[in-house]
């Protein structure tokens, strides 16, 4: 009997494929649990929310930390994600020597519309397993922010977060990594368009 199983890649194999030019520079891919995942096209609401965040967050964070967008973070031996936005600790080499690791990450932000269930069911458990203390999902389908904190593992070995808080788009939320800094969600969430 032949068992067919997909090939799972290690982080080193993934990096070697990248060095060999296996992927095109403009391809949007991530290594998630050993699988090379192609990221789907983003809708206009996703792009608008991300633009709004990129407009507001640098003014808030300034030189307290480094803000990166769609840049790799190395999470596990077989996972290297490119979250929509990540706030990482400042480092003298500005991450020239290596991508940020979980110890460097202060806050991960994902903007989700068509990718919502994937972000909630696949990415959030990986972030918890890696020990990322705080993650946000800008849920464009339900029109609110999901704030996850306190990574944990249950009795069945599944990873997740003990605390999930919902923040409405007309509210202000403090950055978990810098509680003195607040983000007005009214200036981040795009207005709902009539279908």
N, C-alpha and C. Protein backbone atom coordinates (compact mmCIF):
# COMPACT_ATOMS: atom_id res chain seq x y z
N UNK A 1 0.84 -1.18 0.00
CA UNK A 1 0.00 0.00 0.00
C UNK A 1 0.89 1.25 0.00
N UNK A 2 0.60 2.17 -0.89
CA UNK A 2 1.36 3.41 -1.00
C UNK A 2 0.62 4.52 -0.27
N UNK A 3 1.35 5.21 0.57
CA UNK A 3 0.77 6.35 1.28
C UNK A 3 1.32 7.61 0.64
N UNK A 4 0.41 8.46 0.19
CA UNK A 4 0.81 9.73 -0.42
C UNK A 4 0.70 10.81 0.63
N UNK A 5 1.79 11.53 0.79
CA UNK A 5 1.85 12.57 1.82
C UNK A 5 2.57 13.78 1.24
N UNK A 6 2.06 14.96 1.50
CA UNK A 6 2.75 16.15 0.98
C UNK A 6 4.11 16.32 1.65
N UNK A 7 5.05 16.89 0.91
CA UNK A 7 6.38 17.18 1.44
C UNK A 7 6.30 18.40 2.32
N UNK A 8 6.79 18.29 3.53
CA UNK A 8 6.87 19.44 4.43
C UNK A 8 8.31 19.93 4.44
N UNK A 9 8.48 21.23 4.40
CA UNK A 9 9.79 21.85 4.32
C UNK A 9 10.23 22.36 5.69
N UNK A 10 11.52 22.28 5.92
CA UNK A 10 12.10 22.92 7.10
C UNK A 10 12.39 24.37 6.74
N UNK A 11 12.69 25.16 7.73
CA UNK A 11 13.04 26.55 7.50
C UNK A 11 14.29 26.66 6.64
N UNK A 12 15.28 25.80 6.91
CA UNK A 12 16.52 25.82 6.11
C UNK A 12 16.24 25.47 4.65
N UNK A 13 15.39 24.48 4.39
CA UNK A 13 15.05 24.12 3.00
C UNK A 13 14.33 25.27 2.30
N UNK A 14 13.43 25.90 3.01
CA UNK A 14 12.68 27.04 2.48
C UNK A 14 13.64 28.18 2.11
N UNK A 15 14.58 28.48 2.99
CA UNK A 15 15.57 29.53 2.70
C UNK A 15 16.45 29.15 1.52
N UNK A 16 16.80 27.88 1.41
CA UNK A 16 17.63 27.43 0.28
C UNK A 16 16.87 27.57 -1.04
N UNK A 17 15.60 27.22 -1.05
CA UNK A 17 14.78 27.41 -2.26
C UNK A 17 14.72 28.89 -2.65
N UNK A 18 14.62 29.75 -1.66
CA UNK A 18 14.60 31.19 -1.91
C UNK A 18 15.91 31.65 -2.52
N UNK A 19 17.03 31.19 -1.94
CA UNK A 19 18.36 31.57 -2.47
C UNK A 19 18.55 31.08 -3.89
N UNK A 20 18.01 29.91 -4.21
CA UNK A 20 18.15 29.34 -5.55
C UNK A 20 17.25 30.02 -6.58
N UNK A 21 16.40 30.94 -6.11
CA UNK A 21 15.51 31.65 -7.03
C UNK A 21 14.28 30.86 -7.41
N UNK A 22 13.90 29.88 -6.59
CA UNK A 22 12.74 29.04 -6.88
C UNK A 22 11.46 29.86 -6.88
N UNK A 23 11.42 30.88 -6.03
CA UNK A 23 10.24 31.74 -5.95
C UNK A 23 10.54 33.05 -6.65
N UNK A 24 9.52 33.61 -7.29
CA UNK A 24 9.66 34.93 -7.90
C UNK A 24 9.62 35.98 -6.79
N UNK A 25 10.32 37.06 -6.99
CA UNK A 25 10.43 38.10 -5.98
C UNK A 25 9.07 38.70 -5.62
N UNK A 26 8.15 38.75 -6.59
CA UNK A 26 6.85 39.36 -6.31
C UNK A 26 5.79 38.35 -5.85
N UNK A 27 6.18 37.08 -5.65
CA UNK A 27 5.24 36.09 -5.13
C UNK A 27 5.02 36.34 -3.64
N UNK A 28 3.79 36.23 -3.22
CA UNK A 28 3.45 36.39 -1.81
C UNK A 28 3.27 35.00 -1.22
N UNK A 29 4.32 34.54 -0.53
CA UNK A 29 4.29 33.20 0.05
C UNK A 29 4.75 33.24 1.50
N UNK A 30 4.35 32.21 2.25
CA UNK A 30 4.78 32.04 3.63
C UNK A 30 5.02 30.56 3.86
N UNK A 31 5.88 30.24 4.79
CA UNK A 31 6.08 28.87 5.24
C UNK A 31 5.28 28.70 6.52
N UNK A 32 4.24 27.87 6.46
CA UNK A 32 3.36 27.68 7.60
C UNK A 32 3.26 26.19 7.89
N UNK A 33 3.75 25.80 9.06
CA UNK A 33 3.76 24.38 9.45
C UNK A 33 4.41 23.51 8.39
N UNK A 34 5.47 24.00 7.77
CA UNK A 34 6.19 23.21 6.79
C UNK A 34 5.63 23.27 5.38
N UNK A 35 4.49 23.90 5.20
CA UNK A 35 3.88 24.00 3.87
C UNK A 35 4.12 25.40 3.31
N UNK A 36 4.42 25.44 2.03
CA UNK A 36 4.60 26.73 1.35
C UNK A 36 3.22 27.17 0.88
N UNK A 37 2.76 28.27 1.45
CA UNK A 37 1.40 28.76 1.21
C UNK A 37 1.47 30.03 0.38
N UNK A 38 0.71 30.04 -0.71
CA UNK A 38 0.63 31.24 -1.54
C UNK A 38 -0.51 32.10 -1.00
N UNK A 39 -0.22 33.35 -0.74
CA UNK A 39 -1.18 34.28 -0.18
C UNK A 39 -2.09 34.80 -1.29
N UNK A 40 -3.39 34.78 -1.03
CA UNK A 40 -4.36 35.20 -2.03
C UNK A 40 -4.38 36.72 -2.16
N UNK A 41 -4.93 37.18 -3.28
CA UNK A 41 -5.05 38.62 -3.51
C UNK A 41 -5.93 39.25 -2.44
N UNK A 42 -5.61 40.46 -2.10
CA UNK A 42 -6.36 41.18 -1.07
C UNK A 42 -7.39 42.08 -1.72
N UNK A 43 -8.55 42.21 -1.06
CA UNK A 43 -9.59 43.09 -1.55
C UNK A 43 -9.31 44.54 -1.22
N UNK A 44 -10.16 45.42 -1.69
CA UNK A 44 -9.95 46.85 -1.48
C UNK A 44 -10.10 47.24 -0.01
N UNK A 45 -11.02 46.58 0.72
CA UNK A 45 -11.19 46.90 2.14
C UNK A 45 -9.92 46.51 2.92
N UNK A 46 -9.33 45.37 2.57
CA UNK A 46 -8.09 44.93 3.21
C UNK A 46 -6.98 45.94 2.95
N UNK A 47 -6.84 46.33 1.70
CA UNK A 47 -5.79 47.28 1.32
C UNK A 47 -6.00 48.63 2.00
N UNK A 48 -7.24 49.09 2.10
CA UNK A 48 -7.54 50.37 2.74
C UNK A 48 -7.24 50.33 4.23
N UNK A 49 -7.64 49.25 4.90
CA UNK A 49 -7.35 49.11 6.33
C UNK A 49 -5.84 49.10 6.57
N UNK A 50 -5.11 48.36 5.74
CA UNK A 50 -3.66 48.30 5.89
C UNK A 50 -3.02 49.68 5.64
N UNK A 51 -3.49 50.40 4.63
CA UNK A 51 -2.99 51.76 4.38
C UNK A 51 -3.26 52.67 5.57
N UNK A 52 -4.46 52.56 6.15
CA UNK A 52 -4.80 53.37 7.31
C UNK A 52 -3.87 53.07 8.49
N UNK A 53 -3.60 51.79 8.70
CA UNK A 53 -2.68 51.40 9.78
C UNK A 53 -1.27 51.94 9.52
N UNK A 54 -0.84 51.84 8.26
CA UNK A 54 0.50 52.33 7.90
C UNK A 54 0.60 53.85 8.01
N UNK A 55 -0.53 54.50 7.96
CA UNK A 55 -0.55 55.96 8.13
C UNK A 55 -0.48 56.34 9.61
N UNK A 56 -1.17 55.58 10.46
CA UNK A 56 -1.30 55.93 11.88
C UNK A 56 -0.19 55.37 12.76
N UNK A 57 0.19 54.11 12.56
CA UNK A 57 1.11 53.45 13.49
C UNK A 57 2.51 54.05 13.56
N UNK A 58 3.13 54.42 12.44
CA UNK A 58 4.48 55.01 12.57
C UNK A 58 4.49 56.26 13.44
N UNK A 59 3.43 57.06 13.38
CA UNK A 59 3.35 58.27 14.20
C UNK A 59 3.23 57.92 15.68
N UNK A 60 2.58 56.79 15.98
CA UNK A 60 2.44 56.35 17.37
C UNK A 60 3.72 55.72 17.90
N UNK A 61 4.24 54.78 17.15
CA UNK A 61 5.37 53.97 17.63
C UNK A 61 6.67 54.78 17.62
N UNK A 62 6.85 55.60 16.61
CA UNK A 62 8.06 56.42 16.42
C UNK A 62 9.32 55.59 16.58
N UNK A 63 10.20 55.97 17.49
CA UNK A 63 11.46 55.23 17.65
C UNK A 63 11.43 54.27 18.84
N UNK A 64 10.25 54.03 19.41
CA UNK A 64 10.14 53.10 20.54
C UNK A 64 10.35 51.65 20.10
N UNK A 65 10.04 51.36 18.85
CA UNK A 65 10.15 50.00 18.32
C UNK A 65 10.24 50.10 16.81
N UNK A 66 10.35 48.96 16.16
CA UNK A 66 10.42 48.90 14.70
C UNK A 66 9.10 48.35 14.18
N UNK A 67 8.53 49.01 13.20
CA UNK A 67 7.30 48.58 12.57
C UNK A 67 7.65 47.98 11.21
N UNK A 68 7.20 46.76 10.97
CA UNK A 68 7.45 46.16 9.66
C UNK A 68 6.14 45.64 9.08
N UNK A 69 6.04 45.70 7.75
CA UNK A 69 4.85 45.26 7.04
C UNK A 69 5.24 44.21 6.01
N UNK A 70 4.53 43.07 6.06
CA UNK A 70 4.74 41.98 5.10
C UNK A 70 6.20 41.53 5.06
N UNK A 71 6.85 41.55 6.21
CA UNK A 71 8.24 41.11 6.31
C UNK A 71 8.29 39.88 7.20
N UNK A 72 9.24 38.97 6.91
CA UNK A 72 9.28 37.69 7.63
C UNK A 72 9.58 37.80 9.12
N UNK A 73 8.93 36.91 9.86
CA UNK A 73 9.30 36.63 11.24
C UNK A 73 9.44 35.11 11.34
N UNK A 74 10.52 34.67 11.95
CA UNK A 74 10.77 33.24 12.09
C UNK A 74 10.15 32.78 13.40
N UNK A 75 9.15 31.89 13.30
CA UNK A 75 8.40 31.49 14.48
C UNK A 75 8.82 30.14 15.03
N UNK A 76 8.80 29.12 14.20
CA UNK A 76 9.12 27.76 14.61
C UNK A 76 10.10 27.19 13.59
N UNK A 77 10.53 25.96 13.78
CA UNK A 77 11.47 25.34 12.84
C UNK A 77 10.90 25.21 11.44
N UNK A 78 9.56 25.23 11.32
CA UNK A 78 8.96 25.07 10.00
C UNK A 78 7.92 26.15 9.69
N UNK A 79 8.06 27.31 10.30
CA UNK A 79 7.11 28.39 10.04
C UNK A 79 7.82 29.75 10.01
N UNK A 80 7.65 30.43 8.90
CA UNK A 80 8.14 31.80 8.75
C UNK A 80 7.03 32.60 8.11
N UNK A 81 6.37 33.40 8.91
CA UNK A 81 5.20 34.16 8.46
C UNK A 81 5.58 35.56 8.05
N UNK A 82 4.70 36.16 7.26
CA UNK A 82 4.83 37.57 6.89
C UNK A 82 3.52 38.27 7.24
N UNK A 83 3.33 38.57 8.53
CA UNK A 83 2.08 39.22 8.95
C UNK A 83 1.91 40.57 8.26
N UNK A 84 0.67 41.02 8.22
CA UNK A 84 0.40 42.32 7.60
C UNK A 84 1.24 43.40 8.28
N UNK A 85 1.27 43.40 9.61
CA UNK A 85 2.10 44.34 10.36
C UNK A 85 2.65 43.64 11.59
N UNK A 86 3.87 43.98 11.95
CA UNK A 86 4.48 43.47 13.17
C UNK A 86 5.25 44.60 13.83
N UNK A 87 5.06 44.74 15.13
CA UNK A 87 5.89 45.66 15.91
C UNK A 87 6.92 44.80 16.60
N UNK A 88 8.19 45.07 16.31
CA UNK A 88 9.28 44.30 16.89
C UNK A 88 10.20 45.24 17.67
N UNK A 89 10.97 44.65 18.57
CA UNK A 89 11.94 45.43 19.35
C UNK A 89 12.98 46.03 18.42
N UNK A 90 13.47 47.19 18.77
CA UNK A 90 14.59 47.78 18.03
C UNK A 90 15.82 46.91 18.26
N UNK A 91 16.62 46.79 17.22
CA UNK A 91 17.86 46.03 17.33
C UNK A 91 18.94 46.79 16.58
N UNK A 92 20.18 46.82 17.08
CA UNK A 92 21.24 47.61 16.44
C UNK A 92 21.46 47.27 14.96
N UNK A 93 21.31 45.99 14.59
CA UNK A 93 21.55 45.61 13.19
C UNK A 93 20.29 45.75 12.32
N UNK A 94 19.17 46.21 12.91
CA UNK A 94 17.91 46.37 12.19
C UNK A 94 17.52 45.07 11.47
N UNK A 95 17.83 43.94 12.10
CA UNK A 95 17.48 42.60 11.63
C UNK A 95 18.18 42.24 10.31
N UNK A 96 19.35 42.79 10.09
CA UNK A 96 20.15 42.42 8.93
C UNK A 96 20.69 40.99 9.07
N UNK A 97 21.05 40.59 10.29
CA UNK A 97 21.66 39.28 10.51
C UNK A 97 20.65 38.14 10.56
N UNK A 98 19.42 38.43 10.92
CA UNK A 98 18.38 37.40 10.99
C UNK A 98 17.02 38.07 11.11
N UNK A 99 16.01 37.37 10.59
CA UNK A 99 14.64 37.87 10.74
C UNK A 99 14.26 37.87 12.22
N UNK A 100 13.31 38.70 12.60
CA UNK A 100 12.86 38.68 13.99
C UNK A 100 12.36 37.29 14.40
N UNK A 101 12.60 36.96 15.66
CA UNK A 101 12.13 35.70 16.24
C UNK A 101 11.05 36.04 17.26
N UNK A 102 10.39 35.04 17.84
CA UNK A 102 9.33 35.33 18.82
C UNK A 102 9.76 36.26 19.95
N UNK A 103 11.01 36.15 20.40
CA UNK A 103 11.49 37.03 21.48
C UNK A 103 11.53 38.49 21.07
N UNK A 104 11.60 38.76 19.77
CA UNK A 104 11.68 40.13 19.27
C UNK A 104 10.30 40.75 19.06
N UNK A 105 9.27 39.92 18.95
CA UNK A 105 7.94 40.39 18.55
C UNK A 105 7.18 40.98 19.73
N UNK A 106 6.69 42.20 19.55
CA UNK A 106 5.88 42.86 20.56
C UNK A 106 4.39 42.73 20.26
N UNK A 107 4.03 42.80 18.98
CA UNK A 107 2.62 42.71 18.58
C UNK A 107 2.54 42.33 17.10
N UNK A 108 1.70 41.35 16.80
CA UNK A 108 1.42 40.95 15.41
C UNK A 108 0.02 41.44 15.06
N UNK A 109 -0.12 41.98 13.85
CA UNK A 109 -1.42 42.44 13.37
C UNK A 109 -1.70 41.81 12.01
N UNK A 110 -2.86 41.18 11.92
CA UNK A 110 -3.33 40.64 10.65
C UNK A 110 -4.61 41.38 10.27
N UNK A 111 -4.75 41.69 8.99
CA UNK A 111 -5.99 42.27 8.47
C UNK A 111 -6.67 41.15 7.71
N UNK A 112 -7.92 40.85 8.05
CA UNK A 112 -8.56 39.66 7.49
C UNK A 112 -9.95 39.94 6.94
N UNK A 113 -10.13 39.52 5.70
CA UNK A 113 -11.47 39.46 5.12
C UNK A 113 -11.67 38.03 4.64
N UNK A 114 -11.27 37.71 3.42
CA UNK A 114 -11.43 36.33 2.93
C UNK A 114 -10.52 35.34 3.66
N UNK A 115 -9.48 35.83 4.32
CA UNK A 115 -8.55 34.95 5.03
C UNK A 115 -8.90 34.78 6.51
N UNK A 116 -10.06 35.27 6.94
CA UNK A 116 -10.38 35.30 8.36
C UNK A 116 -10.29 33.93 9.03
N UNK A 117 -10.95 32.92 8.48
CA UNK A 117 -10.94 31.62 9.15
C UNK A 117 -9.53 31.03 9.17
N UNK A 118 -8.75 31.26 8.13
CA UNK A 118 -7.37 30.77 8.10
C UNK A 118 -6.53 31.46 9.18
N UNK A 119 -6.70 32.76 9.30
CA UNK A 119 -5.97 33.51 10.32
C UNK A 119 -6.35 33.03 11.72
N UNK A 120 -7.66 32.83 11.95
CA UNK A 120 -8.13 32.41 13.28
C UNK A 120 -7.75 30.96 13.59
N UNK A 121 -7.91 30.06 12.62
CA UNK A 121 -7.77 28.62 12.88
C UNK A 121 -6.36 28.08 12.68
N UNK A 122 -5.55 28.74 11.86
CA UNK A 122 -4.20 28.25 11.57
C UNK A 122 -3.14 29.18 12.14
N UNK A 123 -3.21 30.45 11.81
CA UNK A 123 -2.14 31.37 12.23
C UNK A 123 -2.16 31.65 13.74
N UNK A 124 -3.31 31.91 14.31
CA UNK A 124 -3.38 32.23 15.74
C UNK A 124 -2.79 31.09 16.59
N UNK A 125 -3.13 29.81 16.34
CA UNK A 125 -2.49 28.75 17.13
C UNK A 125 -0.96 28.70 16.96
N UNK A 126 -0.46 28.99 15.76
CA UNK A 126 0.99 29.01 15.55
C UNK A 126 1.63 30.15 16.34
N UNK A 127 0.99 31.32 16.32
CA UNK A 127 1.51 32.44 17.09
C UNK A 127 1.54 32.09 18.58
N UNK A 128 0.49 31.43 19.06
CA UNK A 128 0.45 31.02 20.47
C UNK A 128 1.54 30.00 20.77
N UNK A 129 1.71 29.02 19.88
CA UNK A 129 2.74 28.00 20.09
C UNK A 129 4.13 28.62 20.13
N UNK A 130 4.34 29.64 19.32
CA UNK A 130 5.64 30.31 19.29
C UNK A 130 5.85 31.22 20.51
N UNK A 131 4.79 31.43 21.30
CA UNK A 131 4.91 32.26 22.49
C UNK A 131 4.73 33.74 22.24
N UNK A 132 4.13 34.10 21.11
CA UNK A 132 3.85 35.52 20.83
C UNK A 132 2.79 35.98 21.82
N UNK A 133 3.10 37.00 22.59
CA UNK A 133 2.22 37.39 23.69
C UNK A 133 0.94 38.10 23.24
N UNK A 134 1.01 38.84 22.14
CA UNK A 134 -0.16 39.61 21.70
C UNK A 134 -0.31 39.60 20.19
N UNK A 135 -1.54 39.32 19.74
CA UNK A 135 -1.87 39.32 18.31
C UNK A 135 -3.22 40.01 18.13
N UNK A 136 -3.32 40.74 17.05
CA UNK A 136 -4.58 41.39 16.70
C UNK A 136 -5.01 40.92 15.32
N UNK A 137 -6.32 40.71 15.17
CA UNK A 137 -6.90 40.48 13.84
C UNK A 137 -7.92 41.59 13.60
N UNK A 138 -7.68 42.38 12.56
CA UNK A 138 -8.66 43.36 12.13
C UNK A 138 -9.68 42.60 11.28
N UNK A 139 -10.76 42.19 11.90
CA UNK A 139 -11.78 41.35 11.29
C UNK A 139 -12.71 42.24 10.47
N UNK A 140 -12.50 42.23 9.15
CA UNK A 140 -13.27 43.11 8.28
C UNK A 140 -14.64 42.52 7.94
N UNK A 141 -14.82 41.22 8.14
CA UNK A 141 -16.12 40.61 7.87
C UNK A 141 -17.13 40.97 8.96
N UNK A 142 -16.71 40.90 10.21
CA UNK A 142 -17.60 41.22 11.32
C UNK A 142 -17.42 42.66 11.80
N UNK A 143 -16.43 43.35 11.24
CA UNK A 143 -16.19 44.76 11.50
C UNK A 143 -15.83 45.05 12.96
N UNK A 144 -14.81 44.33 13.46
CA UNK A 144 -14.27 44.63 14.78
C UNK A 144 -12.85 44.09 14.88
N UNK A 145 -12.16 44.53 15.92
CA UNK A 145 -10.80 44.10 16.19
C UNK A 145 -10.83 42.97 17.21
N UNK A 146 -10.11 41.88 16.92
CA UNK A 146 -9.95 40.77 17.86
C UNK A 146 -8.56 40.89 18.47
N UNK A 147 -8.50 41.02 19.79
CA UNK A 147 -7.22 41.14 20.49
C UNK A 147 -6.96 39.86 21.27
N UNK A 148 -5.90 39.15 20.93
CA UNK A 148 -5.54 37.89 21.58
C UNK A 148 -4.34 38.11 22.49
N UNK A 149 -4.40 37.55 23.71
CA UNK A 149 -3.25 37.62 24.61
C UNK A 149 -3.23 36.38 25.50
N UNK A 150 -2.12 36.18 26.17
CA UNK A 150 -1.89 35.04 27.06
C UNK A 150 -1.89 33.70 26.31
N UNK A 151 -0.81 33.43 25.57
CA UNK A 151 -0.73 32.16 24.84
C UNK A 151 -0.77 30.97 25.80
N UNK A 152 -1.41 29.89 25.35
CA UNK A 152 -1.54 28.71 26.21
C UNK A 152 -1.66 27.44 25.36
N UNK A 153 -1.57 26.32 26.05
CA UNK A 153 -1.76 25.01 25.44
C UNK A 153 -2.77 24.25 26.29
N UNK A 154 -3.79 23.65 25.65
CA UNK A 154 -4.79 22.93 26.42
C UNK A 154 -4.36 21.48 26.68
N UNK A 155 -5.20 20.73 27.34
CA UNK A 155 -4.90 19.34 27.70
C UNK A 155 -4.75 18.42 26.50
N UNK A 156 -5.25 18.83 25.36
CA UNK A 156 -5.17 18.03 24.13
C UNK A 156 -3.98 18.43 23.26
N UNK A 157 -3.16 19.35 23.75
CA UNK A 157 -1.98 19.78 23.01
C UNK A 157 -2.24 20.88 22.01
N UNK A 158 -3.45 21.44 21.99
CA UNK A 158 -3.78 22.51 21.05
C UNK A 158 -3.39 23.86 21.66
N UNK A 159 -2.87 24.71 20.79
CA UNK A 159 -2.43 26.03 21.22
C UNK A 159 -3.48 27.08 20.90
N UNK A 160 -3.52 28.10 21.72
CA UNK A 160 -4.44 29.20 21.53
C UNK A 160 -4.13 30.29 22.54
N UNK A 161 -5.08 31.16 22.74
CA UNK A 161 -4.92 32.26 23.69
C UNK A 161 -6.02 32.20 24.74
N UNK A 162 -5.64 32.44 25.98
CA UNK A 162 -6.61 32.43 27.07
C UNK A 162 -7.55 33.62 27.00
N UNK A 163 -7.06 34.74 26.47
CA UNK A 163 -7.86 35.96 26.44
C UNK A 163 -8.09 36.40 25.00
N UNK A 164 -9.36 36.56 24.65
CA UNK A 164 -9.73 37.15 23.35
C UNK A 164 -10.72 38.27 23.66
N UNK A 165 -10.33 39.46 23.27
CA UNK A 165 -11.14 40.65 23.54
C UNK A 165 -11.59 41.24 22.22
N UNK A 166 -12.83 41.68 22.15
CA UNK A 166 -13.39 42.33 20.96
C UNK A 166 -13.43 43.84 21.20
N UNK A 167 -12.92 44.59 20.23
CA UNK A 167 -12.96 46.05 20.30
C UNK A 167 -13.70 46.54 19.06
N UNK A 168 -14.72 47.35 19.27
CA UNK A 168 -15.56 47.83 18.17
C UNK A 168 -14.85 48.93 17.37
N UNK A 169 -15.25 49.11 16.10
CA UNK A 169 -14.55 50.06 15.24
C UNK A 169 -14.74 51.53 15.61
N UNK A 170 -15.63 51.82 16.54
CA UNK A 170 -15.81 53.21 16.99
C UNK A 170 -15.10 53.46 18.32
N UNK A 171 -14.24 52.51 18.73
CA UNK A 171 -13.56 52.63 20.01
C UNK A 171 -12.06 52.92 19.80
N UNK A 172 -11.40 53.17 20.91
CA UNK A 172 -9.96 53.40 20.92
C UNK A 172 -9.33 52.24 21.67
N UNK A 173 -8.21 51.73 21.17
CA UNK A 173 -7.55 50.60 21.79
C UNK A 173 -6.09 50.97 22.10
N UNK A 174 -5.64 50.59 23.29
CA UNK A 174 -4.24 50.82 23.66
C UNK A 174 -3.38 49.73 23.04
N UNK A 175 -2.20 50.09 22.57
CA UNK A 175 -1.26 49.09 22.06
C UNK A 175 -0.79 48.27 23.25
N UNK A 176 -0.91 46.97 23.16
CA UNK A 176 -0.55 46.12 24.29
C UNK A 176 0.93 46.26 24.67
N UNK A 177 1.79 46.51 23.70
CA UNK A 177 3.22 46.65 23.98
C UNK A 177 3.57 48.03 24.53
N UNK A 178 2.73 49.01 24.29
CA UNK A 178 2.93 50.37 24.79
C UNK A 178 1.58 50.90 25.27
N UNK A 179 1.17 50.54 26.48
CA UNK A 179 -0.17 50.89 26.97
C UNK A 179 -0.47 52.39 26.99
N UNK A 180 0.57 53.22 26.94
CA UNK A 180 0.35 54.67 26.92
C UNK A 180 0.00 55.18 25.52
N UNK A 181 0.10 54.30 24.51
CA UNK A 181 -0.21 54.68 23.13
C UNK A 181 -1.55 54.06 22.71
N UNK A 182 -2.42 54.88 22.13
CA UNK A 182 -3.75 54.40 21.74
C UNK A 182 -4.00 54.62 20.26
N UNK A 183 -4.77 53.70 19.69
CA UNK A 183 -5.12 53.75 18.27
C UNK A 183 -6.62 53.93 18.15
N UNK A 184 -7.04 54.97 17.44
CA UNK A 184 -8.46 55.23 17.20
C UNK A 184 -8.91 54.36 16.03
N UNK A 185 -9.70 53.34 16.33
CA UNK A 185 -10.11 52.38 15.30
C UNK A 185 -11.04 53.01 14.26
N UNK A 186 -11.69 54.09 14.61
CA UNK A 186 -12.54 54.80 13.66
C UNK A 186 -11.74 55.31 12.47
N UNK A 187 -10.43 55.51 12.68
CA UNK A 187 -9.56 56.00 11.61
C UNK A 187 -8.81 54.86 10.92
N UNK A 188 -9.12 53.61 11.31
CA UNK A 188 -8.45 52.45 10.74
C UNK A 188 -9.40 51.61 9.89
N UNK A 189 -10.57 51.27 10.46
CA UNK A 189 -11.51 50.42 9.72
C UNK A 189 -12.10 51.21 8.56
N UNK A 190 -12.13 50.60 7.39
CA UNK A 190 -12.76 51.29 6.24
C UNK A 190 -14.27 51.32 6.44
N UNK A 191 -14.95 52.33 5.89
CA UNK A 191 -16.40 52.37 6.01
C UNK A 191 -17.02 51.19 5.25
N UNK A 192 -18.13 50.70 5.76
CA UNK A 192 -18.85 49.61 5.10
C UNK A 192 -19.50 50.16 3.83
N UNK A 193 -19.28 49.45 2.73
CA UNK A 193 -19.88 49.85 1.46
C UNK A 193 -21.14 49.04 1.21
N UNK A 194 -22.14 49.67 0.62
CA UNK A 194 -23.36 48.92 0.28
C UNK A 194 -23.06 47.98 -0.88
N UNK A 195 -23.59 46.76 -0.78
CA UNK A 195 -23.36 45.78 -1.85
C UNK A 195 -24.31 45.99 -2.99
